[in-house]
Amino acid sequence: SAFGWLFIGPVPLAERRPPLAGPAPLHPERLCPERPLTPLEHALERQ
């Protein structure tokens, strides 16, 4: 294990990603904004 750390060096930290801002363009959730949510969808949203 020590030899491996010397061979590969320290592992870089994961890069920071910007926070998500909702579904991408043309995602199915953006295609039907005029359609109301079903009771199940409302319950899932509340949860």
ModelCIF file with pLDDT and N, C-alpha, C, O atoms, coordinates in Angstrom:
data_MODEL
#
_entry.id   MODEL 
#
_entity.id                         1 
_entity.type                       polymer 
_entity.pdbx_number_of_molecules   1 
#
_entity_poly.entity_id                      1 
_entity_poly.type                           'polypeptide(L)' 
_entity_poly.nstd_linkage                   no 
_entity_poly.nstd_monomer                   no 
_entity_poly.pdbx_seq_one_letter_code       SAFGWLFIGPVPLAERRPPLAGPAPLHPERLCPERPLTPLEHALERQ 
_entity_poly.pdbx_seq_one_letter_code_can   SAFGWLFIGPVPLAERRPPLAGPAPLHPERLCPERPLTPLEHALERQ 
_entity_poly.pdbx_strand_id                 A 
#
loop_
_entity_poly_seq.entity_id 
_entity_poly_seq.num 
_entity_poly_seq.mon_id 
_entity_poly_seq.hetero 
1 1  SER n 
1 2  ALA n 
1 3  PHE n 
1 4  GLY n 
1 5  TRP n 
1 6  LEU n 
1 7  PHE n 
1 8  ILE n 
1 9  GLY n 
1 10 PRO n 
1 11 VAL n 
1 12 PRO n 
1 13 LEU n 
1 14 ALA n 
1 15 GLU n 
1 16 ARG n 
1 17 ARG n 
1 18 PRO n 
1 19 PRO n 
1 20 LEU n 
1 21 ALA n 
1 22 GLY n 
1 23 PRO n 
1 24 ALA n 
1 25 PRO n 
1 26 LEU n 
1 27 HIS n 
1 28 PRO n 
1 29 GLU n 
1 30 ARG n 
1 31 LEU n 
1 32 CYS n 
1 33 PRO n 
1 34 GLU n 
1 35 ARG n 
1 36 PRO n 
1 37 LEU n 
1 38 THR n 
1 39 PRO n 
1 40 LEU n 
1 41 GLU n 
1 42 HIS n 
1 43 ALA n 
1 44 LEU n 
1 45 GLU n 
1 46 ARG n 
1 47 GLN n 
#
_struct_asym.id          A 
_struct_asym.entity_id   1 
#
loop_
_ma_qa_metric.id 
_ma_qa_metric.mode 
_ma_qa_metric.name 
_ma_qa_metric.software_group_id 
_ma_qa_metric.type 
1 global pLDDT . pLDDT 
2 local  pLDDT . pLDDT 
#
_ma_qa_metric_global.metric_id      1 
_ma_qa_metric_global.metric_value   77.94 
_ma_qa_metric_global.model_id       1 
_ma_qa_metric_global.ordinal_id     1 
#
loop_
_ma_qa_metric_local.label_asym_id 
_ma_qa_metric_local.label_comp_id 
_ma_qa_metric_local.label_seq_id 
_ma_qa_metric_local.metric_id 
_ma_qa_metric_local.metric_value 
_ma_qa_metric_local.model_id 
_ma_qa_metric_local.ordinal_id 
A SER 1  2 84.00 1 1  
A ALA 2  2 84.00 1 2  
A PHE 3  2 84.00 1 3  
A GLY 4  2 81.00 1 4  
A TRP 5  2 78.00 1 5  
A LEU 6  2 79.00 1 6  
A PHE 7  2 77.00 1 7  
A ILE 8  2 77.00 1 8  
A GLY 9  2 71.00 1 9  
A PRO 10 2 69.00 1 10 
A VAL 11 2 67.00 1 11 
A PRO 12 2 67.00 1 12 
A LEU 13 2 69.00 1 13 
A ALA 14 2 70.00 1 14 
A GLU 15 2 71.00 1 15 
A ARG 16 2 71.00 1 16 
A ARG 17 2 70.00 1 17 
A PRO 18 2 73.00 1 18 
A PRO 19 2 74.00 1 19 
A LEU 20 2 72.00 1 20 
A ALA 21 2 76.00 1 21 
A GLY 22 2 75.00 1 22 
A PRO 23 2 77.00 1 23 
A ALA 24 2 76.00 1 24 
A PRO 25 2 77.00 1 25 
A LEU 26 2 76.00 1 26 
A HIS 27 2 74.00 1 27 
A PRO 28 2 71.00 1 28 
A GLU 29 2 70.00 1 29 
A ARG 30 2 64.00 1 30 
A LEU 31 2 64.00 1 31 
A CYS 32 2 73.00 1 32 
A PRO 33 2 68.00 1 33 
A GLU 34 2 79.00 1 34 
A ARG 35 2 81.00 1 35 
A PRO 36 2 86.00 1 36 
A LEU 37 2 85.00 1 37 
A THR 38 2 87.00 1 38 
A PRO 39 2 92.00 1 39 
A LEU 40 2 91.00 1 40 
A GLU 41 2 87.00 1 41 
A HIS 42 2 89.00 1 42 
A ALA 43 2 93.00 1 43 
A LEU 44 2 91.00 1 44 
A GLU 45 2 88.00 1 45 
A ARG 46 2 92.00 1 46 
A GLN 47 2 93.00 1 47 
#
loop_
_atom_site.group_PDB 
_atom_site.id 
_atom_site.type_symbol 
_atom_site.label_atom_id 
_atom_site.label_alt_id 
_atom_site.label_comp_id 
_atom_site.label_asym_id 
_atom_site.label_entity_id 
_atom_site.label_seq_id 
_atom_site.pdbx_PDB_ins_code 
_atom_site.Cartn_x 
_atom_site.Cartn_y 
_atom_site.Cartn_z 
_atom_site.occupancy 
_atom_site.B_iso_or_equiv 
_atom_site.pdbx_formal_charge 
_atom_site.auth_seq_id 
_atom_site.auth_comp_id 
_atom_site.auth_asym_id 
_atom_site.auth_atom_id 
_atom_site.pdbx_PDB_model_num 
ATOM 1   N N  . SER A 1 1  ? 0.828   -1.195 0.000   1.00 84.00 ? 1  SER A N  1 
ATOM 2   C CA . SER A 1 1  ? 0.000   0.000  0.000   1.00 84.00 ? 1  SER A CA 1 
ATOM 3   C C  . SER A 1 1  ? 0.870   1.255  0.000   1.00 84.00 ? 1  SER A C  1 
ATOM 4   O O  . SER A 1 1  ? 0.604   2.190  -0.755  1.00 84.00 ? 1  SER A O  1 
ATOM 5   N N  . ALA A 1 2  ? 1.893   1.284  0.828   1.00 84.00 ? 2  ALA A N  1 
ATOM 6   C CA . ALA A 1 2  ? 2.799   2.436  0.869   1.00 84.00 ? 2  ALA A CA 1 
ATOM 7   C C  . ALA A 1 2  ? 3.518   2.601  -0.463  1.00 84.00 ? 2  ALA A C  1 
ATOM 8   O O  . ALA A 1 2  ? 3.670   3.722  -0.947  1.00 84.00 ? 2  ALA A O  1 
ATOM 9   N N  . PHE A 1 3  ? 3.961   1.498  -1.060  1.00 84.00 ? 3  PHE A N  1 
ATOM 10  C CA . PHE A 1 3  ? 4.623   1.570  -2.363  1.00 84.00 ? 3  PHE A CA 1 
ATOM 11  C C  . PHE A 1 3  ? 3.664   2.122  -3.411  1.00 84.00 ? 3  PHE A C  1 
ATOM 12  O O  . PHE A 1 3  ? 4.064   2.918  -4.261  1.00 84.00 ? 3  PHE A O  1 
ATOM 13  N N  . GLY A 1 4  ? 2.408   1.706  -3.356  1.00 81.00 ? 4  GLY A N  1 
ATOM 14  C CA . GLY A 1 4  ? 1.422   2.208  -4.306  1.00 81.00 ? 4  GLY A CA 1 
ATOM 15  C C  . GLY A 1 4  ? 1.225   3.701  -4.185  1.00 81.00 ? 4  GLY A C  1 
ATOM 16  O O  . GLY A 1 4  ? 1.109   4.392  -5.197  1.00 81.00 ? 4  GLY A O  1 
ATOM 17  N N  . TRP A 1 5  ? 1.186   4.220  -2.954  1.00 78.00 ? 5  TRP A N  1 
ATOM 18  C CA . TRP A 1 5  ? 1.032   5.669  -2.770  1.00 78.00 ? 5  TRP A CA 1 
ATOM 19  C C  . TRP A 1 5  ? 2.235   6.418  -3.322  1.00 78.00 ? 5  TRP A C  1 
ATOM 20  O O  . TRP A 1 5  ? 2.090   7.505  -3.881  1.00 78.00 ? 5  TRP A O  1 
ATOM 21  N N  . LEU A 1 6  ? 3.429   5.838  -3.169  1.00 79.00 ? 6  LEU A N  1 
ATOM 22  C CA . LEU A 1 6  ? 4.604   6.477  -3.738  1.00 79.00 ? 6  LEU A CA 1 
ATOM 23  C C  . LEU A 1 6  ? 4.566   6.438  -5.258  1.00 79.00 ? 6  LEU A C  1 
ATOM 24  O O  . LEU A 1 6  ? 5.038   7.366  -5.915  1.00 79.00 ? 6  LEU A O  1 
ATOM 25  N N  . PHE A 1 7  ? 4.015   5.383  -5.814  1.00 77.00 ? 7  PHE A N  1 
ATOM 26  C CA . PHE A 1 7  ? 3.996   5.220  -7.261  1.00 77.00 ? 7  PHE A CA 1 
ATOM 27  C C  . PHE A 1 7  ? 2.967   6.140  -7.914  1.00 77.00 ? 7  PHE A C  1 
ATOM 28  O O  . PHE A 1 7  ? 3.279   6.791  -8.911  1.00 77.00 ? 7  PHE A O  1 
ATOM 29  N N  . ILE A 1 8  ? 1.735   6.209  -7.369  1.00 77.00 ? 8  ILE A N  1 
ATOM 30  C CA . ILE A 1 8  ? 0.688   7.006  -8.022  1.00 77.00 ? 8  ILE A CA 1 
ATOM 31  C C  . ILE A 1 8  ? 0.613   8.430  -7.494  1.00 77.00 ? 8  ILE A C  1 
ATOM 32  O O  . ILE A 1 8  ? 0.053   9.297  -8.164  1.00 77.00 ? 8  ILE A O  1 
ATOM 33  N N  . GLY A 1 9  ? 1.153   8.692  -6.331  1.00 71.00 ? 9  GLY A N  1 
ATOM 34  C CA . GLY A 1 9  ? 1.088   10.024 -5.750  1.00 71.00 ? 9  GLY A CA 1 
ATOM 35  C C  . GLY A 1 9  ? -0.259  10.271 -5.109  1.00 71.00 ? 9  GLY A C  1 
ATOM 36  O O  . GLY A 1 9  ? -1.128  9.400  -5.126  1.00 71.00 ? 9  GLY A O  1 
ATOM 37  N N  . PRO A 1 10 ? -0.439  11.452 -4.542  1.00 69.00 ? 10 PRO A N  1 
ATOM 38  C CA . PRO A 1 10 ? -1.718  11.751 -3.887  1.00 69.00 ? 10 PRO A CA 1 
ATOM 39  C C  . PRO A 1 10 ? -2.847  11.865 -4.910  1.00 69.00 ? 10 PRO A C  1 
ATOM 40  O O  . PRO A 1 10 ? -2.631  12.310 -6.038  1.00 69.00 ? 10 PRO A O  1 
ATOM 41  N N  . VAL A 1 11 ? -4.017  11.472 -4.518  1.00 67.00 ? 11 VAL A N  1 
ATOM 42  C CA . VAL A 1 11 ? -5.183  11.527 -5.394  1.00 67.00 ? 11 VAL A CA 1 
ATOM 43  C C  . VAL A 1 11 ? -5.786  12.922 -5.298  1.00 67.00 ? 11 VAL A C  1 
ATOM 44  O O  . VAL A 1 11 ? -6.033  13.400 -4.190  1.00 67.00 ? 11 VAL A O  1 
ATOM 45  N N  . PRO A 1 12 ? -6.035  13.601 -6.441  1.00 67.00 ? 12 PRO A N  1 
ATOM 46  C CA . PRO A 1 12 ? -6.600  14.952 -6.382  1.00 67.00 ? 12 PRO A CA 1 
ATOM 47  C C  . PRO A 1 12 ? -8.037  14.930 -5.857  1.00 67.00 ? 12 PRO A C  1 
ATOM 48  O O  . PRO A 1 12 ? -8.762  13.950 -6.032  1.00 67.00 ? 12 PRO A O  1 
ATOM 49  N N  . LEU A 1 13 ? -8.426  16.015 -5.219  1.00 69.00 ? 13 LEU A N  1 
ATOM 50  C CA . LEU A 1 13 ? -9.792  16.137 -4.727  1.00 69.00 ? 13 LEU A CA 1 
ATOM 51  C C  . LEU A 1 13 ? -10.763 16.227 -5.892  1.00 69.00 ? 13 LEU A C  1 
ATOM 52  O O  . LEU A 1 13 ? -10.403 16.680 -6.979  1.00 69.00 ? 13 LEU A O  1 
ATOM 53  N N  . ALA A 1 14 ? -11.987 15.796 -5.660  1.00 70.00 ? 14 ALA A N  1 
ATOM 54  C CA . ALA A 1 14 ? -13.010 15.853 -6.708  1.00 70.00 ? 14 ALA A CA 1 
ATOM 55  C C  . ALA A 1 14 ? -13.299 17.313 -7.040  1.00 70.00 ? 14 ALA A C  1 
ATOM 56  O O  . ALA A 1 14 ? -13.324 18.174 -6.160  1.00 70.00 ? 14 ALA A O  1 
ATOM 57  N N  . GLU A 1 15 ? -13.514 17.571 -8.313  1.00 71.00 ? 15 GLU A N  1 
ATOM 58  C CA . GLU A 1 15 ? -13.791 18.947 -8.716  1.00 71.00 ? 15 GLU A CA 1 
ATOM 59  C C  . GLU A 1 15 ? -15.187 19.373 -8.256  1.00 71.00 ? 15 GLU A C  1 
ATOM 60  O O  . GLU A 1 15 ? -16.100 18.553 -8.157  1.00 71.00 ? 15 GLU A O  1 
ATOM 61  N N  . ARG A 1 16 ? -15.329 20.647 -7.985  1.00 71.00 ? 16 ARG A N  1 
ATOM 62  C CA . ARG A 1 16 ? -16.612 21.173 -7.531  1.00 71.00 ? 16 ARG A CA 1 
ATOM 63  C C  . ARG A 1 16 ? -17.535 21.337 -8.729  1.00 71.00 ? 16 ARG A C  1 
ATOM 64  O O  . ARG A 1 16 ? -17.122 21.833 -9.778  1.00 71.00 ? 16 ARG A O  1 
ATOM 65  N N  . ARG A 1 17 ? -18.776 20.922 -8.572  1.00 70.00 ? 17 ARG A N  1 
ATOM 66  C CA . ARG A 1 17 ? -19.773 21.088 -9.619  1.00 70.00 ? 17 ARG A CA 1 
ATOM 67  C C  . ARG A 1 17 ? -20.781 22.138 -9.185  1.00 70.00 ? 17 ARG A C  1 
ATOM 68  O O  . ARG A 1 17 ? -21.097 22.239 -7.999  1.00 70.00 ? 17 ARG A O  1 
ATOM 69  N N  . PRO A 1 18 ? -21.291 22.924 -10.129 1.00 73.00 ? 18 PRO A N  1 
ATOM 70  C CA . PRO A 1 18 ? -22.305 23.910 -9.746  1.00 73.00 ? 18 PRO A CA 1 
ATOM 71  C C  . PRO A 1 18 ? -23.587 23.198 -9.317  1.00 73.00 ? 18 PRO A C  1 
ATOM 72  O O  . PRO A 1 18 ? -23.853 22.087 -9.776  1.00 73.00 ? 18 PRO A O  1 
ATOM 73  N N  . PRO A 1 19 ? -24.381 23.812 -8.450  1.00 74.00 ? 19 PRO A N  1 
ATOM 74  C CA . PRO A 1 19 ? -25.636 23.178 -8.019  1.00 74.00 ? 19 PRO A CA 1 
ATOM 75  C C  . PRO A 1 19 ? -26.588 22.987 -9.196  1.00 74.00 ? 19 PRO A C  1 
ATOM 76  O O  . PRO A 1 19 ? -26.569 23.757 -10.157 1.00 74.00 ? 19 PRO A O  1 
ATOM 77  N N  . LEU A 1 20 ? -27.406 21.969 -9.111  1.00 72.00 ? 20 LEU A N  1 
ATOM 78  C CA . LEU A 1 20 ? -28.366 21.699 -10.179 1.00 72.00 ? 20 LEU A CA 1 
ATOM 79  C C  . LEU A 1 20 ? -29.444 22.770 -10.197 1.00 72.00 ? 20 LEU A C  1 
ATOM 80  O O  . LEU A 1 20 ? -29.865 23.263 -9.151  1.00 72.00 ? 20 LEU A O  1 
ATOM 81  N N  . ALA A 1 21 ? -29.881 23.120 -11.391 1.00 76.00 ? 21 ALA A N  1 
ATOM 82  C CA . ALA A 1 21 ? -30.890 24.168 -11.546 1.00 76.00 ? 21 ALA A CA 1 
ATOM 83  C C  . ALA A 1 21 ? -32.146 23.632 -12.219 1.00 76.00 ? 21 ALA A C  1 
ATOM 84  O O  . ALA A 1 21 ? -32.795 24.352 -12.979 1.00 76.00 ? 21 ALA A O  1 
ATOM 85  N N  . GLY A 1 22 ? -32.493 22.389 -11.953 1.00 75.00 ? 22 GLY A N  1 
ATOM 86  C CA . GLY A 1 22 ? -33.692 21.821 -12.551 1.00 75.00 ? 22 GLY A CA 1 
ATOM 87  C C  . GLY A 1 22 ? -33.370 20.957 -13.756 1.00 75.00 ? 22 GLY A C  1 
ATOM 88  O O  . GLY A 1 22 ? -32.202 20.771 -14.099 1.00 75.00 ? 22 GLY A O  1 
ATOM 89  N N  . PRO A 1 23 ? -34.394 20.435 -14.394 1.00 77.00 ? 23 PRO A N  1 
ATOM 90  C CA . PRO A 1 23 ? -34.180 19.567 -15.549 1.00 77.00 ? 23 PRO A CA 1 
ATOM 91  C C  . PRO A 1 23 ? -33.553 20.315 -16.727 1.00 77.00 ? 23 PRO A C  1 
ATOM 92  O O  . PRO A 1 23 ? -33.721 21.526 -16.866 1.00 77.00 ? 23 PRO A O  1 
ATOM 93  N N  . ALA A 1 24 ? -32.847 19.596 -17.549 1.00 76.00 ? 24 ALA A N  1 
ATOM 94  C CA . ALA A 1 24 ? -32.217 20.174 -18.737 1.00 76.00 ? 24 ALA A CA 1 
ATOM 95  C C  . ALA A 1 24 ? -33.273 20.535 -19.776 1.00 76.00 ? 24 ALA A C  1 
ATOM 96  O O  . ALA A 1 24 ? -34.403 20.054 -19.695 1.00 76.00 ? 24 ALA A O  1 
ATOM 97  N N  . PRO A 1 25 ? -32.924 21.372 -20.748 1.00 77.00 ? 25 PRO A N  1 
ATOM 98  C CA . PRO A 1 25 ? -33.878 21.682 -21.815 1.00 77.00 ? 25 PRO A CA 1 
ATOM 99  C C  . PRO A 1 25 ? -34.305 20.404 -22.542 1.00 77.00 ? 25 PRO A C  1 
ATOM 100 O O  . PRO A 1 25 ? -33.500 19.490 -22.721 1.00 77.00 ? 25 PRO A O  1 
ATOM 101 N N  . LEU A 1 26 ? -35.537 20.347 -22.948 1.00 76.00 ? 26 LEU A N  1 
ATOM 102 C CA . LEU A 1 26 ? -36.161 19.206 -23.645 1.00 76.00 ? 26 LEU A CA 1 
ATOM 103 C C  . LEU A 1 26 ? -36.308 17.975 -22.760 1.00 76.00 ? 26 LEU A C  1 
ATOM 104 O O  . LEU A 1 26 ? -36.616 16.894 -23.261 1.00 76.00 ? 26 LEU A O  1 
ATOM 105 N N  . HIS A 1 27 ? -36.093 18.117 -21.458 1.00 74.00 ? 27 HIS A N  1 
ATOM 106 C CA . HIS A 1 27 ? -36.354 17.021 -20.533 1.00 74.00 ? 27 HIS A CA 1 
ATOM 107 C C  . HIS A 1 27 ? -37.872 16.856 -20.436 1.00 74.00 ? 27 HIS A C  1 
ATOM 108 O O  . HIS A 1 27 ? -38.587 17.857 -20.484 1.00 74.00 ? 27 HIS A O  1 
ATOM 109 N N  . PRO A 1 28 ? -38.387 15.638 -20.301 1.00 71.00 ? 28 PRO A N  1 
ATOM 110 C CA . PRO A 1 28 ? -39.846 15.445 -20.263 1.00 71.00 ? 28 PRO A CA 1 
ATOM 111 C C  . PRO A 1 28 ? -40.559 16.298 -19.210 1.00 71.00 ? 28 PRO A C  1 
ATOM 112 O O  . PRO A 1 28 ? -41.715 16.668 -19.412 1.00 71.00 ? 28 PRO A O  1 
ATOM 113 N N  . GLU A 1 29 ? -39.909 16.616 -18.105 1.00 70.00 ? 29 GLU A N  1 
ATOM 114 C CA . GLU A 1 29 ? -40.563 17.435 -17.091 1.00 70.00 ? 29 GLU A CA 1 
ATOM 115 C C  . GLU A 1 29 ? -40.742 18.877 -17.538 1.00 70.00 ? 29 GLU A C  1 
ATOM 116 O O  . GLU A 1 29 ? -41.555 19.601 -16.962 1.00 70.00 ? 29 GLU A O  1 
ATOM 117 N N  . ARG A 1 30 ? -40.000 19.310 -18.552 1.00 64.00 ? 30 ARG A N  1 
ATOM 118 C CA . ARG A 1 30 ? -40.152 20.673 -19.063 1.00 64.00 ? 30 ARG A CA 1 
ATOM 119 C C  . ARG A 1 30 ? -41.062 20.724 -20.280 1.00 64.00 ? 30 ARG A C  1 
ATOM 120 O O  . ARG A 1 30 ? -41.407 21.816 -20.733 1.00 64.00 ? 30 ARG A O  1 
ATOM 121 N N  . LEU A 1 31 ? -41.459 19.591 -20.818 1.00 64.00 ? 31 LEU A N  1 
ATOM 122 C CA . LEU A 1 31 ? -42.236 19.591 -22.048 1.00 64.00 ? 31 LEU A CA 1 
ATOM 123 C C  . LEU A 1 31 ? -43.722 19.842 -21.817 1.00 64.00 ? 31 LEU A C  1 
ATOM 124 O O  . LEU A 1 31 ? -44.403 20.274 -22.746 1.00 64.00 ? 31 LEU A O  1 
ATOM 125 N N  . CYS A 1 32 ? -44.252 19.593 -20.632 1.00 73.00 ? 32 CYS A N  1 
ATOM 126 C CA . CYS A 1 32 ? -45.689 19.722 -20.367 1.00 73.00 ? 32 CYS A CA 1 
ATOM 127 C C  . CYS A 1 32 ? -45.961 20.585 -19.135 1.00 73.00 ? 32 CYS A C  1 
ATOM 128 O O  . CYS A 1 32 ? -46.513 20.081 -18.157 1.00 73.00 ? 32 CYS A O  1 
ATOM 129 N N  . PRO A 1 33 ? -45.591 21.870 -19.150 1.00 68.00 ? 33 PRO A N  1 
ATOM 130 C CA . PRO A 1 33 ? -45.835 22.675 -17.959 1.00 68.00 ? 33 PRO A CA 1 
ATOM 131 C C  . PRO A 1 33 ? -47.307 22.958 -17.723 1.00 68.00 ? 33 PRO A C  1 
ATOM 132 O O  . PRO A 1 33 ? -47.698 23.255 -16.594 1.00 68.00 ? 33 PRO A O  1 
ATOM 133 N N  . GLU A 1 34 ? -48.142 22.873 -18.769 1.00 79.00 ? 34 GLU A N  1 
ATOM 134 C CA . GLU A 1 34 ? -49.564 23.168 -18.620 1.00 79.00 ? 34 GLU A CA 1 
ATOM 135 C C  . GLU A 1 34 ? -50.352 22.006 -18.014 1.00 79.00 ? 34 GLU A C  1 
ATOM 136 O O  . GLU A 1 34 ? -51.501 22.173 -17.605 1.00 79.00 ? 34 GLU A O  1 
ATOM 137 N N  . ARG A 1 35 ? -49.740 20.851 -17.961 1.00 81.00 ? 35 ARG A N  1 
ATOM 138 C CA . ARG A 1 35 ? -50.411 19.665 -17.434 1.00 81.00 ? 35 ARG A CA 1 
ATOM 139 C C  . ARG A 1 35 ? -50.269 19.615 -15.917 1.00 81.00 ? 35 ARG A C  1 
ATOM 140 O O  . ARG A 1 35 ? -49.146 19.650 -15.414 1.00 81.00 ? 35 ARG A O  1 
ATOM 141 N N  . PRO A 1 36 ? -51.375 19.533 -15.169 1.00 86.00 ? 36 PRO A N  1 
ATOM 142 C CA . PRO A 1 36 ? -51.264 19.517 -13.704 1.00 86.00 ? 36 PRO A CA 1 
ATOM 143 C C  . PRO A 1 36 ? -50.700 18.193 -13.188 1.00 86.00 ? 36 PRO A C  1 
ATOM 144 O O  . PRO A 1 36 ? -50.749 17.163 -13.861 1.00 86.00 ? 36 PRO A O  1 
ATOM 145 N N  . LEU A 1 37 ? -50.166 18.261 -11.973 1.00 85.00 ? 37 LEU A N  1 
ATOM 146 C CA . LEU A 1 37 ? -49.622 17.060 -11.347 1.00 85.00 ? 37 LEU A CA 1 
ATOM 147 C C  . LEU A 1 37 ? -50.745 16.132 -10.904 1.00 85.00 ? 37 LEU A C  1 
ATOM 148 O O  . LEU A 1 37 ? -51.833 16.581 -10.544 1.00 85.00 ? 37 LEU A O  1 
ATOM 149 N N  . THR A 1 38 ? -50.472 14.850 -10.934 1.00 87.00 ? 38 THR A N  1 
ATOM 150 C CA . THR A 1 38 ? -51.433 13.862 -10.447 1.00 87.00 ? 38 THR A CA 1 
ATOM 151 C C  . THR A 1 38 ? -51.377 13.844 -8.922  1.00 87.00 ? 38 THR A C  1 
ATOM 152 O O  . THR A 1 38 ? -50.421 14.361 -8.344  1.00 87.00 ? 38 THR A O  1 
ATOM 153 N N  . PRO A 1 39 ? -52.385 13.258 -8.247  1.00 92.00 ? 39 PRO A N  1 
ATOM 154 C CA . PRO A 1 39 ? -52.323 13.166 -6.782  1.00 92.00 ? 39 PRO A CA 1 
ATOM 155 C C  . PRO A 1 39 ? -51.065 12.438 -6.284  1.00 92.00 ? 39 PRO A C  1 
ATOM 156 O O  . PRO A 1 39 ? -50.490 12.821 -5.265  1.00 92.00 ? 39 PRO A O  1 
ATOM 157 N N  . LEU A 1 40 ? -50.648 11.406 -6.990  1.00 91.00 ? 40 LEU A N  1 
ATOM 158 C CA . LEU A 1 40 ? -49.428 10.697 -6.603  1.00 91.00 ? 40 LEU A CA 1 
ATOM 159 C C  . LEU A 1 40 ? -48.211 11.611 -6.724  1.00 91.00 ? 40 LEU A C  1 
ATOM 160 O O  . LEU A 1 40 ? -47.340 11.606 -5.854  1.00 91.00 ? 40 LEU A O  1 
ATOM 161 N N  . GLU A 1 41 ? -48.151 12.390 -7.795  1.00 87.00 ? 41 GLU A N  1 
ATOM 162 C CA . GLU A 1 41 ? -47.033 13.306 -7.983  1.00 87.00 ? 41 GLU A CA 1 
ATOM 163 C C  . GLU A 1 41 ? -47.016 14.394 -6.904  1.00 87.00 ? 41 GLU A C  1 
ATOM 164 O O  . GLU A 1 41 ? -45.952 14.789 -6.428  1.00 87.00 ? 41 GLU A O  1 
ATOM 165 N N  . HIS A 1 42 ? -48.209 14.874 -6.524  1.00 89.00 ? 42 HIS A N  1 
ATOM 166 C CA . HIS A 1 42 ? -48.285 15.846 -5.436  1.00 89.00 ? 42 HIS A CA 1 
ATOM 167 C C  . HIS A 1 42 ? -47.782 15.239 -4.126  1.00 89.00 ? 42 HIS A C  1 
ATOM 168 O O  . HIS A 1 42 ? -47.052 15.888 -3.377  1.00 89.00 ? 42 HIS A O  1 
ATOM 169 N N  . ALA A 1 43 ? -48.169 14.004 -3.855  1.00 93.00 ? 43 ALA A N  1 
ATOM 170 C CA . ALA A 1 43 ? -47.729 13.329 -2.620  1.00 93.00 ? 43 ALA A CA 1 
ATOM 171 C C  . ALA A 1 43 ? -46.202 13.149 -2.643  1.00 93.00 ? 43 ALA A C  1 
ATOM 172 O O  . ALA A 1 43 ? -45.538 13.361 -1.628  1.00 93.00 ? 43 ALA A O  1 
ATOM 173 N N  . LEU A 1 44 ? -45.655 12.766 -3.782  1.00 91.00 ? 44 LEU A N  1 
ATOM 174 C CA . LEU A 1 44 ? -44.207 12.596 -3.878  1.00 91.00 ? 44 LEU A CA 1 
ATOM 175 C C  . LEU A 1 44 ? -43.477 13.936 -3.712  1.00 91.00 ? 44 LEU A C  1 
ATOM 176 O O  . LEU A 1 44 ? -42.421 13.998 -3.082  1.00 91.00 ? 44 LEU A O  1 
ATOM 177 N N  . GLU A 1 45 ? -44.042 14.997 -4.275  1.00 88.00 ? 45 GLU A N  1 
ATOM 178 C CA . GLU A 1 45 ? -43.448 16.308 -4.130  1.00 88.00 ? 45 GLU A CA 1 
ATOM 179 C C  . GLU A 1 45 ? -43.440 16.760 -2.663  1.00 88.00 ? 45 GLU A C  1 
ATOM 180 O O  . GLU A 1 45 ? -42.443 17.294 -2.176  1.00 88.00 ? 45 GLU A O  1 
ATOM 181 N N  . ARG A 1 46 ? -44.561 16.539 -1.969  1.00 92.00 ? 46 ARG A N  1 
ATOM 182 C CA . ARG A 1 46 ? -44.628 16.890 -0.549  1.00 92.00 ? 46 ARG A CA 1 
ATOM 183 C C  . ARG A 1 46 ? -43.601 16.081 0.255   1.00 92.00 ? 46 ARG A C  1 
ATOM 184 O O  . ARG A 1 46 ? -42.954 16.610 1.159   1.00 92.00 ? 46 ARG A O  1 
ATOM 185 N N  . GLN A 1 47 ? -43.461 14.797 -0.084  1.00 93.00 ? 47 GLN A N  1 
ATOM 186 C CA . GLN A 1 47 ? -42.525 13.931 0.631   1.00 93.00 ? 47 GLN A CA 1 
ATOM 187 C C  . GLN A 1 47 ? -41.084 14.388 0.387   1.00 93.00 ? 47 GLN A C  1 
ATOM 188 O O  . GLN A 1 47 ? -40.147 13.782 0.906   1.00 93.00 ? 47 GLN A O  1 
#
